[in-house]
Amino acid sequence: MRKQAIWAMVLPLALLAFTTDLPYEEEIKQWHQQREADLKKEEGWLNLAGLFWLNEGENTFGGSEKNTIVFPADHSQATLGKFILKNGTVSVETTPDAQVFAGDTPVQTLQLFPYTGKPTVLKHKSLRWFVIQRGDKFAIRLRDLESPALTGFKGIDTYPTDPAWRVKAKFVPTPGKKIAITDITGRTSDQDSPGKLIFSVNGTEQSLESTGNLTQLHFVFADQTNKHDTYGGGRFLDAPGPDADGYTYLDFNKATNPPCAFTPYATCPTPPKTNKLAVAISAGEKRYGDH
């Protein structure tokens, strides 16, 4: 799953529009096709099938309801083993006939957290899982490569591509600033904010505070379309860092739904108060599903 946002004082959208030529529309079309292809990958969001918070000590897992963590019974043996959480370390012990693998290697005992680089992904039949950390809590994130959400995916509805929503923005650096980002579980973290973007929508000045870095700005934002047409929890947007004159572009045609729009098993950030716009951004992805 990538993260997003940026800003600037500019002219009304009507003055920022440029010719709706085919190359730009084709660029957005191809970008969106790649976006949907990424969602369908093994590392995408459509195949999430569970999020299980670990208790200190032993947590049994498998397809049986008798387990602490219950995997989909039609894709799992009844008993696969146990996860052990002890003082911030997570390990796994499998039953002798579990057929749990790390890559092509059968797993009997293995430390899963802490890890260096990417987390260790374990697999059993069509299931894949690994450890995530949120604050002082640890969870097993489960994927199912045969998930109905994946096999039933038919694309994401979007607003018509409109070059007027590619908006020039002024970058105002805010070195050392942090913004509080709260996720849907209620956990809040302070994230570095390299700066904000100031821009104009129909002659009204707007601004968004970014996370990320000076090369790639990331935004979590809300707007008035969230009430009906787009995901209620806001959307994501990325923008390149500023040029030598301190300007960049926000292309709202590339505004995307957060992972929580596709699955109840994600832990998405919500828009900070400063990124809740009082205008409607009728561009980018529309509401998807029921999440």
C-alpha atoms as a PDB file:
ATOM      1  CA  MET A   1       0.000   0.000   0.000  1.00  0.00           C
ATOM      2  CA  ARG A   2       1.966   4.245  -1.026  1.00  0.00           C
ATOM      3  CA  LYS A   3       1.204   7.429   1.157  1.00  0.00           C
ATOM      4  CA  GLN A   4       0.483  11.354  -0.010  1.00  0.00           C
ATOM      5  CA  ALA A   5      -0.032  15.555  -0.196  1.00  0.00           C
ATOM      6  CA  ILE A   6       1.115  19.641  -0.956  1.00  0.00           C
ATOM      7  CA  TRP A   7       0.164  23.576  -1.530  1.00  0.00           C
ATOM      8  CA  ALA A   8       0.303  27.210  -3.161  1.00  0.00           C
ATOM      9  CA  MET A   9      -1.355  30.605  -3.857  1.00  0.00           C
ATOM     10  CA  VAL A  10      -2.616  30.501  -7.426  1.00  0.00           C
ATOM     11  CA  LEU A  11      -5.249  31.639  -9.922  1.00  0.00           C
ATOM     12  CA  PRO A  12      -8.773  30.215 -10.074  1.00  0.00           C
ATOM     13  CA  LEU A  13      -9.137  26.767 -11.576  1.00  0.00           C
ATOM     14  CA  ALA A  14     -10.543  28.181 -14.779  1.00  0.00           C
ATOM     15  CA  LEU A  15      -7.282  30.070 -15.409  1.00  0.00           C
ATOM     16  CA  LEU A  16      -5.155  27.029 -14.518  1.00  0.00           C
ATOM     17  CA  ALA A  17      -6.856  24.736 -17.010  1.00  0.00           C
ATOM     18  CA  PHE A  18      -4.937  23.689 -20.056  1.00  0.00           C
ATOM     19  CA  THR A  19      -6.033  21.962 -23.243  1.00  0.00           C
ATOM     20  CA  THR A  20      -7.820  18.668 -22.630  1.00  0.00           C
ATOM     21  CA  ASP A  21      -5.627  16.869 -25.112  1.00  0.00           C
ATOM     22  CA  LEU A  22      -5.632  13.118 -25.467  1.00  0.00           C
ATOM     23  CA  PRO A  23      -2.096  12.593 -24.099  1.00  0.00           C
ATOM     24  CA  TYR A  24      -3.036  13.950 -20.662  1.00  0.00           C
ATOM     25  CA  GLU A  25      -6.288  11.992 -20.537  1.00  0.00           C
ATOM     26  CA  GLU A  26      -4.399   8.895 -21.673  1.00  0.00           C
ATOM     27  CA  GLU A  27      -1.779   9.481 -18.969  1.00  0.00           C
ATOM     28  CA  ILE A  28      -4.468   9.568 -16.274  1.00  0.00           C
ATOM     29  CA  LYS A  29      -6.171   6.502 -17.767  1.00  0.00           C
ATOM     30  CA  GLN A  30      -2.948   4.493 -17.745  1.00  0.00           C
ATOM     31  CA  TRP A  31      -2.105   5.735 -14.252  1.00  0.00           C
ATOM     32  CA  HIS A  32      -5.487   4.557 -12.994  1.00  0.00           C
ATOM     33  CA  GLN A  33      -5.104   1.178 -14.711  1.00  0.00           C
ATOM     34  CA  GLN A  34      -1.785   0.708 -12.930  1.00  0.00           C
ATOM     35  CA  ARG A  35      -3.382   1.787  -9.656  1.00  0.00           C
ATOM     36  CA  GLU A  36      -6.018  -0.961  -9.992  1.00  0.00           C
ATOM     37  CA  ALA A  37      -3.378  -3.504 -11.008  1.00  0.00           C
ATOM     38  CA  ASP A  38      -1.399  -2.674  -7.864  1.00  0.00           C
ATOM     39  CA  LEU A  39      -4.503  -3.216  -5.712  1.00  0.00           C
ATOM     40  CA  LYS A  40      -4.810  -6.732  -7.159  1.00  0.00           C
ATOM     41  CA  LYS A  41      -1.202  -7.743  -6.518  1.00  0.00           C
ATOM     42  CA  GLU A  42      -0.236 -10.057  -3.690  1.00  0.00           C
ATOM     43  CA  GLU A  43       0.992  -6.977  -1.778  1.00  0.00           C
ATOM     44  CA  GLY A  44      -2.201  -5.044  -2.618  1.00  0.00           C
ATOM     45  CA  TRP A  45      -5.142  -4.233  -0.388  1.00  0.00           C
ATOM     46  CA  LEU A  46      -7.912  -6.300  -1.968  1.00  0.00           C
ATOM     47  CA  ASN A  47      -6.792  -9.647  -0.559  1.00  0.00           C
ATOM     48  CA  LEU A  48      -6.720  -8.645   3.125  1.00  0.00           C
ATOM     49  CA  ALA A  49      -8.686 -11.256   5.052  1.00  0.00           C
ATOM     50  CA  GLY A  50      -8.019 -10.517   8.697  1.00  0.00           C
ATOM     51  CA  LEU A  51      -6.329  -8.346  11.309  1.00  0.00           C
ATOM     52  CA  PHE A  52      -5.722 -10.136  14.604  1.00  0.00           C
ATOM     53  CA  TRP A  53      -4.327  -8.289  17.632  1.00  0.00           C
ATOM     54  CA  LEU A  54      -1.993 -10.433  19.690  1.00  0.00           C
ATOM     55  CA  ASN A  55      -2.293 -10.972  23.411  1.00  0.00           C
ATOM     56  CA  GLU A  56       0.797 -11.233  25.556  1.00  0.00           C
ATOM     57  CA  GLY A  57       1.749 -14.904  25.701  1.00  0.00           C
ATOM     58  CA  GLU A  58       0.470 -17.675  23.432  1.00  0.00           C
ATOM     59  CA  ASN A  59      -2.078 -17.117  20.641  1.00  0.00           C
ATOM     60  CA  THR A  60      -3.157 -20.296  18.851  1.00  0.00           C
ATOM     61  CA  PHE A  61      -4.171 -20.049  15.188  1.00  0.00           C
ATOM     62  CA  GLY A  62      -5.806 -22.114  12.469  1.00  0.00           C
ATOM     63  CA  GLY A  63      -9.189 -22.773  10.884  1.00  0.00           C
ATOM     64  CA  SER A  64     -10.893 -24.146  14.000  1.00  0.00           C
ATOM     65  CA  GLU A  65     -13.100 -21.903  16.139  1.00  0.00           C
ATOM     66  CA  LYS A  66     -11.199 -23.240  19.160  1.00  0.00           C
ATOM     67  CA  ASN A  67      -8.176 -21.133  18.240  1.00  0.00           C
ATOM     68  CA  THR A  68      -7.406 -17.681  19.621  1.00  0.00           C
ATOM     69  CA  ILE A  69      -6.955 -16.510  16.023  1.00  0.00           C
ATOM     70  CA  VAL A  70      -9.362 -18.071  13.555  1.00  0.00           C
ATOM     71  CA  PHE A  71      -8.252 -18.230   9.909  1.00  0.00           C
ATOM     72  CA  PRO A  72     -10.756 -18.914   7.071  1.00  0.00           C
ATOM     73  CA  ALA A  73     -11.703 -22.549   7.638  1.00  0.00           C
ATOM     74  CA  ASP A  74     -12.011 -23.371   3.938  1.00  0.00           C
ATOM     75  CA  HIS A  75      -8.399 -22.279   3.335  1.00  0.00           C
ATOM     76  CA  SER A  76      -6.723 -23.496   6.509  1.00  0.00           C
ATOM     77  CA  GLN A  77      -6.068 -26.635   8.498  1.00  0.00           C
ATOM     78  CA  ALA A  78      -7.886 -26.702  11.820  1.00  0.00           C
ATOM     79  CA  THR A  79      -4.702 -26.191  13.835  1.00  0.00           C
ATOM     80  CA  LEU A  80      -1.559 -24.532  12.508  1.00  0.00           C
ATOM     81  CA  GLY A  81       0.322 -23.584  15.670  1.00  0.00           C
ATOM     82  CA  LYS A  82       0.727 -20.581  17.941  1.00  0.00           C
ATOM     83  CA  PHE A  83       2.115 -17.061  17.928  1.00  0.00           C
ATOM     84  CA  ILE A  84       4.024 -16.094  21.052  1.00  0.00           C
ATOM     85  CA  LEU A  85       4.229 -12.442  22.090  1.00  0.00           C
ATOM     86  CA  LYS A  86       6.731 -11.793  24.840  1.00  0.00           C
ATOM     87  CA  ASN A  87       8.045  -8.343  25.756  1.00  0.00           C
ATOM     88  CA  GLY A  88       7.778  -6.963  22.228  1.00  0.00           C
ATOM     89  CA  THR A  89       9.114 -10.070  20.487  1.00  0.00           C
ATOM     90  CA  VAL A  90       6.807 -12.172  18.298  1.00  0.00           C
ATOM     91  CA  SER A  91       7.665 -15.739  17.324  1.00  0.00           C
ATOM     92  CA  VAL A  92       5.746 -18.634  15.804  1.00  0.00           C
ATOM     93  CA  GLU A  93       5.679 -22.348  16.573  1.00  0.00           C
ATOM     94  CA  THR A  94       3.798 -24.598  14.158  1.00  0.00           C
ATOM     95  CA  THR A  95       2.250 -28.034  14.614  1.00  0.00           C
ATOM     96  CA  PRO A  96       4.145 -30.929  12.987  1.00  0.00           C
ATOM     97  CA  ASP A  97       1.763 -31.279  10.019  1.00  0.00           C
ATOM     98  CA  ALA A  98       0.983 -27.560   9.568  1.00  0.00           C
ATOM     99  CA  GLN A  99       2.556 -27.067   6.113  1.00  0.00           C
ATOM    100  CA  VAL A 100       3.470 -23.480   6.928  1.00  0.00           C
ATOM    101  CA  PHE A 101       6.277 -22.051   4.800  1.00  0.00           C
ATOM    102  CA  ALA A 102       8.579 -19.044   4.682  1.00  0.00           C
ATOM    103  CA  GLY A 103       9.282 -18.932   0.973  1.00  0.00           C
ATOM    104  CA  ASP A 104       9.899 -22.589   0.133  1.00  0.00           C
ATOM    105  CA  THR A 105      11.231 -23.462   3.595  1.00  0.00           C
ATOM    106  CA  PRO A 106       8.961 -25.312   6.049  1.00  0.00           C
ATOM    107  CA  VAL A 107       8.610 -23.443   9.341  1.00  0.00           C
ATOM    108  CA  GLN A 108       8.667 -25.051  12.757  1.00  0.00           C
ATOM    109  CA  THR A 109       9.901 -22.212  14.977  1.00  0.00           C
ATOM    110  CA  LEU A 110      10.783 -18.724  13.800  1.00  0.00           C
ATOM    111  CA  GLN A 111      11.078 -15.188  15.203  1.00  0.00           C
ATOM    112  CA  LEU A 112       8.821 -12.834  13.257  1.00  0.00           C
ATOM    113  CA  PHE A 113       9.376  -9.556  15.101  1.00  0.00           C
ATOM    114  CA  PRO A 114      11.562  -7.541  15.424  1.00  0.00           C
ATOM    115  CA  TYR A 115      12.735  -7.849  11.819  1.00  0.00           C
ATOM    116  CA  THR A 116      15.254  -6.059   9.644  1.00  0.00           C
ATOM    117  CA  GLY A 117      13.911  -4.599   6.407  1.00  0.00           C
ATOM    118  CA  LYS A 118      10.698  -6.251   5.246  1.00  0.00           C
ATOM    119  CA  PRO A 119       8.595  -8.487   7.523  1.00  0.00           C
ATOM    120  CA  THR A 120       8.762 -12.253   7.149  1.00  0.00           C
ATOM    121  CA  VAL A 121       5.708 -13.495   5.231  1.00  0.00           C
ATOM    122  CA  LEU A 122       4.451 -16.966   6.105  1.00  0.00           C
ATOM    123  CA  LYS A 123       2.145 -18.963   3.848  1.00  0.00           C
ATOM    124  CA  HIS A 124      -0.275 -21.878   4.035  1.00  0.00           C
ATOM    125  CA  LYS A 125      -2.369 -22.828   1.005  1.00  0.00           C
ATOM    126  CA  SER A 126      -3.819 -19.523  -0.340  1.00  0.00           C
ATOM    127  CA  LEU A 127      -3.135 -17.666   2.933  1.00  0.00           C
ATOM    128  CA  ARG A 128      -0.270 -15.248   3.618  1.00  0.00           C
ATOM    129  CA  TRP A 129       0.431 -13.438   6.891  1.00  0.00           C
ATOM    130  CA  PHE A 130       2.973 -11.293   8.732  1.00  0.00           C
ATOM    131  CA  VAL A 131       3.335  -9.161  11.853  1.00  0.00           C
ATOM    132  CA  ILE A 132       2.536  -5.444  12.001  1.00  0.00           C
ATOM    133  CA  GLN A 133       3.074  -3.021  14.868  1.00  0.00           C
ATOM    134  CA  ARG A 134       0.802  -0.107  15.746  1.00  0.00           C
ATOM    135  CA  GLY A 135       2.040   1.872  18.719  1.00  0.00           C
ATOM    136  CA  ASP A 136       2.702  -0.651  21.473  1.00  0.00           C
ATOM    137  CA  LYS A 137       0.339  -3.221  19.935  1.00  0.00           C
ATOM    138  CA  PHE A 138       1.143  -6.111  17.584  1.00  0.00           C
ATOM    139  CA  ALA A 139      -1.122  -7.862  15.115  1.00  0.00           C
ATOM    140  CA  ILE A 140      -1.157 -10.562  12.460  1.00  0.00           C
ATOM    141  CA  ARG A 141      -2.184  -9.183   9.076  1.00  0.00           C
ATOM    142  CA  LEU A 142      -3.722 -11.949   6.983  1.00  0.00           C
ATOM    143  CA  ARG A 143      -4.060 -12.108   3.201  1.00  0.00           C
ATOM    144  CA  ASP A 144      -6.069 -14.616   1.176  1.00  0.00           C
ATOM    145  CA  LEU A 145      -5.084 -14.848  -2.484  1.00  0.00           C
ATOM    146  CA  GLU A 146      -8.548 -16.260  -3.153  1.00  0.00           C
ATOM    147  CA  SER A 147     -10.394 -13.567  -1.203  1.00  0.00           C
ATOM    148  CA  PRO A 148     -13.879 -12.701  -2.565  1.00  0.00           C
ATOM    149  CA  ALA A 149     -12.930  -9.004  -2.388  1.00  0.00           C
ATOM    150  CA  LEU A 150     -10.111  -9.743  -4.829  1.00  0.00           C
ATOM    151  CA  THR A 151     -11.858 -12.164  -7.153  1.00  0.00           C
ATOM    152  CA  GLY A 152     -14.965  -9.947  -7.264  1.00  0.00           C
ATOM    153  CA  PHE A 153     -13.124  -6.674  -7.924  1.00  0.00           C
ATOM    154  CA  LYS A 154     -14.507  -4.848 -10.968  1.00  0.00           C
ATOM    155  CA  GLY A 155     -12.675  -1.536 -10.802  1.00  0.00           C
ATOM    156  CA  ILE A 156     -13.124   1.860  -9.146  1.00  0.00           C
ATOM    157  CA  ASP A 157     -15.473   4.540 -10.399  1.00  0.00           C
ATOM    158  CA  THR A 158     -13.887   7.966 -10.921  1.00  0.00           C
ATOM    159  CA  TYR A 159     -14.861  11.478 -11.863  1.00  0.00           C
ATOM    160  CA  PRO A 160     -14.222  12.350 -15.522  1.00  0.00           C
ATOM    161  CA  THR A 161     -10.625  13.441 -16.065  1.00  0.00           C
ATOM    162  CA  ASP A 162     -10.468  17.233 -15.969  1.00  0.00           C
ATOM    163  CA  PRO A 163      -7.147  19.072 -16.488  1.00  0.00           C
ATOM    164  CA  ALA A 164      -8.527  21.997 -14.475  1.00  0.00           C
ATOM    165  CA  TRP A 165      -7.985  19.872 -11.363  1.00  0.00           C
ATOM    166  CA  ARG A 166      -4.238  19.805 -11.979  1.00  0.00           C
ATOM    167  CA  VAL A 167      -3.604  22.800  -9.754  1.00  0.00           C
ATOM    168  CA  LYS A 168      -0.411  24.789  -9.352  1.00  0.00           C
ATOM    169  CA  ALA A 169       0.545  25.210  -5.710  1.00  0.00           C
ATOM    170  CA  LYS A 170       3.086  27.191  -3.713  1.00  0.00           C
ATOM    171  CA  PHE A 171       5.202  25.191  -1.304  1.00  0.00           C
ATOM    172  CA  VAL A 172       5.739  26.797   2.093  1.00  0.00           C
ATOM    173  CA  PRO A 173       8.432  24.914   4.031  1.00  0.00           C
ATOM    174  CA  THR A 174       7.832  24.134   7.705  1.00  0.00           C
ATOM    175  CA  PRO A 175      11.150  22.675   8.893  1.00  0.00           C
ATOM    176  CA  GLY A 176      10.924  20.779  12.152  1.00  0.00           C
ATOM    177  CA  LYS A 177       7.121  20.795  12.210  1.00  0.00           C
ATOM    178  CA  LYS A 178       5.155  17.696  13.106  1.00  0.00           C
ATOM    179  CA  ILE A 179       1.455  17.074  12.559  1.00  0.00           C
ATOM    180  CA  ALA A 180      -0.704  14.713  14.588  1.00  0.00           C
ATOM    181  CA  ILE A 181      -2.147  11.909  12.438  1.00  0.00           C
ATOM    182  CA  THR A 182      -4.826   9.701  13.994  1.00  0.00           C
ATOM    183  CA  ASP A 183      -5.700   6.337  12.459  1.00  0.00           C
ATOM    184  CA  ILE A 184      -9.081   4.629  12.522  1.00  0.00           C
ATOM    185  CA  THR A 185      -8.105   2.633  15.629  1.00  0.00           C
ATOM    186  CA  GLY A 186      -7.771   5.921  17.528  1.00  0.00           C
ATOM    187  CA  ARG A 187      -3.974   5.829  17.764  1.00  0.00           C
ATOM    188  CA  THR A 188      -2.223   9.144  17.125  1.00  0.00           C
ATOM    189  CA  SER A 189       1.335   9.652  15.959  1.00  0.00           C
ATOM    190  CA  ASP A 190       3.311  12.822  15.273  1.00  0.00           C
ATOM    191  CA  GLN A 191       4.677  12.791  11.736  1.00  0.00           C
ATOM    192  CA  ASP A 192       7.212  15.082  10.122  1.00  0.00           C
ATOM    193  CA  SER A 193       5.675  17.719   7.860  1.00  0.00           C
ATOM    194  CA  PRO A 194       8.185  19.201   5.400  1.00  0.00           C
ATOM    195  CA  GLY A 195       5.741  21.913   4.372  1.00  0.00           C
ATOM    196  CA  LYS A 196       2.306  22.898   3.182  1.00  0.00           C
ATOM    197  CA  LEU A 197       0.892  23.720  -0.224  1.00  0.00           C
ATOM    198  CA  ILE A 198      -1.151  26.838  -0.860  1.00  0.00           C
ATOM    199  CA  PHE A 199      -3.406  26.838  -3.911  1.00  0.00           C
ATOM    200  CA  SER A 200      -6.696  28.179  -5.193  1.00  0.00           C
ATOM    201  CA  VAL A 201     -10.008  26.508  -5.970  1.00  0.00           C
ATOM    202  CA  ASN A 202     -12.429  28.749  -7.875  1.00  0.00           C
ATOM    203  CA  GLY A 203     -10.680  31.839  -6.543  1.00  0.00           C
ATOM    204  CA  THR A 204     -10.691  30.676  -2.926  1.00  0.00           C
ATOM    205  CA  GLU A 205      -7.338  30.086  -1.249  1.00  0.00           C
ATOM    206  CA  GLN A 206      -6.874  26.600   0.197  1.00  0.00           C
ATOM    207  CA  SER A 207      -3.973  24.798   1.862  1.00  0.00           C
ATOM    208  CA  LEU A 208      -2.896  21.273   2.723  1.00  0.00           C
ATOM    209  CA  GLU A 209      -0.173  20.108   5.101  1.00  0.00           C
ATOM    210  CA  SER A 210       2.043  17.309   3.847  1.00  0.00           C
ATOM    211  CA  THR A 211       3.857  14.357   5.279  1.00  0.00           C
ATOM    212  CA  GLY A 212       6.594  12.595   3.352  1.00  0.00           C
ATOM    213  CA  ASN A 213       9.701  14.467   2.249  1.00  0.00           C
ATOM    214  CA  LEU A 214      10.860  17.244  -0.071  1.00  0.00           C
ATOM    215  CA  THR A 215      11.040  14.808  -2.989  1.00  0.00           C
ATOM    216  CA  GLN A 216       7.605  13.223  -2.578  1.00  0.00           C
ATOM    217  CA  LEU A 217       4.801  14.940  -0.689  1.00  0.00           C
ATOM    218  CA  HIS A 218       1.901  12.934   0.699  1.00  0.00           C
ATOM    219  CA  PHE A 219      -1.504  14.211   1.750  1.00  0.00           C
ATOM    220  CA  VAL A 220      -4.481  12.793   3.596  1.00  0.00           C
ATOM    221  CA  PHE A 221      -7.340  15.195   2.929  1.00  0.00           C
ATOM    222  CA  ALA A 222     -11.075  15.563   3.261  1.00  0.00           C
ATOM    223  CA  ASP A 223     -13.459  17.686   1.194  1.00  0.00           C
ATOM    224  CA  GLN A 224     -17.163  18.246   0.696  1.00  0.00           C
ATOM    225  CA  THR A 225     -17.576  15.322  -1.719  1.00  0.00           C
ATOM    226  CA  ASN A 226     -16.940  12.919   1.188  1.00  0.00           C
ATOM    227  CA  LYS A 227     -20.536  13.396   2.296  1.00  0.00           C
ATOM    228  CA  HIS A 228     -21.995  11.574  -0.700  1.00  0.00           C
ATOM    229  CA  ASP A 229     -19.731  10.824  -3.666  1.00  0.00           C
ATOM    230  CA  THR A 230     -16.341   9.898  -2.224  1.00  0.00           C
ATOM    231  CA  TYR A 231     -15.079   7.854   0.709  1.00  0.00           C
ATOM    232  CA  GLY A 232     -16.276   9.336   3.987  1.00  0.00           C
ATOM    233  CA  GLY A 233     -12.894   9.017   5.666  1.00  0.00           C
ATOM    234  CA  GLY A 234     -11.098  11.222   3.153  1.00  0.00           C
ATOM    235  CA  ARG A 235      -8.687  10.441   0.336  1.00  0.00           C
ATOM    236  CA  PHE A 236      -4.965  10.284  -0.402  1.00  0.00           C
ATOM    237  CA  LEU A 237      -2.901  12.333  -2.821  1.00  0.00           C
ATOM    238  CA  ASP A 238       0.802  12.449  -3.713  1.00  0.00           C
ATOM    239  CA  ALA A 239       2.661  15.331  -5.285  1.00  0.00           C
ATOM    240  CA  PRO A 240       6.246  15.876  -6.400  1.00  0.00           C
ATOM    241  CA  GLY A 241       8.431  18.169  -4.331  1.00  0.00           C
ATOM    242  CA  PRO A 242       8.723  21.859  -5.230  1.00  0.00           C
ATOM    243  CA  ASP A 243      10.768  23.180  -8.134  1.00  0.00           C
ATOM    244  CA  ALA A 244      13.525  25.779  -7.827  1.00  0.00           C
ATOM    245  CA  ASP A 245      10.909  28.537  -7.592  1.00  0.00           C
ATOM    246  CA  GLY A 246       8.997  26.785  -4.813  1.00  0.00           C
ATOM    247  CA  TYR A 247       6.034  25.545  -6.865  1.00  0.00           C
ATOM    248  CA  THR A 248       4.562  22.136  -7.620  1.00  0.00           C
ATOM    249  CA  TYR A 249       1.282  20.698  -8.920  1.00  0.00           C
ATOM    250  CA  LEU A 250      -1.526  18.930  -7.112  1.00  0.00           C
ATOM    251  CA  ASP A 251      -3.247  16.648  -9.582  1.00  0.00           C
ATOM    252  CA  PHE A 252      -6.564  15.842  -7.933  1.00  0.00           C
ATOM    253  CA  ASN A 253      -7.384  13.520 -10.848  1.00  0.00           C
ATOM    254  CA  LYS A 254      -5.009  11.176  -8.986  1.00  0.00           C
ATOM    255  CA  ALA A 255      -6.787  11.412  -5.621  1.00  0.00           C
ATOM    256  CA  THR A 256      -7.264   7.866  -4.336  1.00  0.00           C
ATOM    257  CA  ASN A 257      -9.322   5.993  -1.801  1.00  0.00           C
ATOM    258  CA  PRO A 258      -7.430   4.877   1.316  1.00  0.00           C
ATOM    259  CA  PRO A 259      -7.071   1.124   1.926  1.00  0.00           C
ATOM    260  CA  CYS A 260      -9.986   1.227   4.377  1.00  0.00           C
ATOM    261  CA  ALA A 261     -12.320   1.873   1.448  1.00  0.00           C
ATOM    262  CA  PHE A 262     -11.554  -1.656   0.222  1.00  0.00           C
ATOM    263  CA  THR A 263     -11.197  -3.681   3.403  1.00  0.00           C
ATOM    264  CA  PRO A 264     -12.166  -3.540   7.094  1.00  0.00           C
ATOM    265  CA  TYR A 265      -8.727  -4.947   7.970  1.00  0.00           C
ATOM    266  CA  ALA A 266      -6.614  -1.850   7.286  1.00  0.00           C
ATOM    267  CA  THR A 267      -5.590   0.794   9.836  1.00  0.00           C
ATOM    268  CA  CYS A 268      -5.813   3.970   7.772  1.00  0.00           C
ATOM    269  CA  PRO A 269      -4.798   7.479   8.797  1.00  0.00           C
ATOM    270  CA  THR A 270      -7.569  10.058   8.909  1.00  0.00           C
ATOM    271  CA  PRO A 271      -7.242  13.648   7.639  1.00  0.00           C
ATOM    272  CA  PRO A 272      -5.788  16.109  10.170  1.00  0.00           C
ATOM    273  CA  LYS A 273      -7.989  19.102  10.956  1.00  0.00           C
ATOM    274  CA  THR A 274      -5.847  21.370   8.794  1.00  0.00           C
ATOM    275  CA  ASN A 275      -6.532  19.192   5.734  1.00  0.00           C
ATOM    276  CA  LYS A 276     -10.321  19.274   5.872  1.00  0.00           C
ATOM    277  CA  LEU A 277     -11.290  21.455   2.932  1.00  0.00           C
ATOM    278  CA  ALA A 278     -14.525  23.449   2.843  1.00  0.00           C
ATOM    279  CA  VAL A 279     -14.786  22.993  -0.937  1.00  0.00           C
ATOM    280  CA  ALA A 280     -15.755  20.031  -3.116  1.00  0.00           C
ATOM    281  CA  ILE A 281     -12.900  18.345  -4.978  1.00  0.00           C
ATOM    282  CA  SER A 282     -14.886  16.641  -7.753  1.00  0.00           C
ATOM    283  CA  ALA A 283     -11.923  14.758  -9.191  1.00  0.00           C
ATOM    284  CA  GLY A 284     -10.219  11.406  -8.667  1.00  0.00           C
ATOM    285  CA  GLU A 285     -11.650   8.218  -7.246  1.00  0.00           C
ATOM    286  CA  LYS A 286     -15.227   7.962  -6.038  1.00  0.00           C
ATOM    287  CA  ARG A 287     -16.636   5.917  -3.170  1.00  0.00           C
ATOM    288  CA  TYR A 288     -16.008   2.152  -3.343  1.00  0.00           C
ATOM    289  CA  GLY A 289     -17.971  -0.589  -1.612  1.00  0.00           C
ATOM    290  CA  ASP A 290     -19.394  -0.398   1.894  1.00  0.00           C
ATOM    291  CA  HIS A 291     -16.318   0.036   4.106  1.00  0.00           C
END
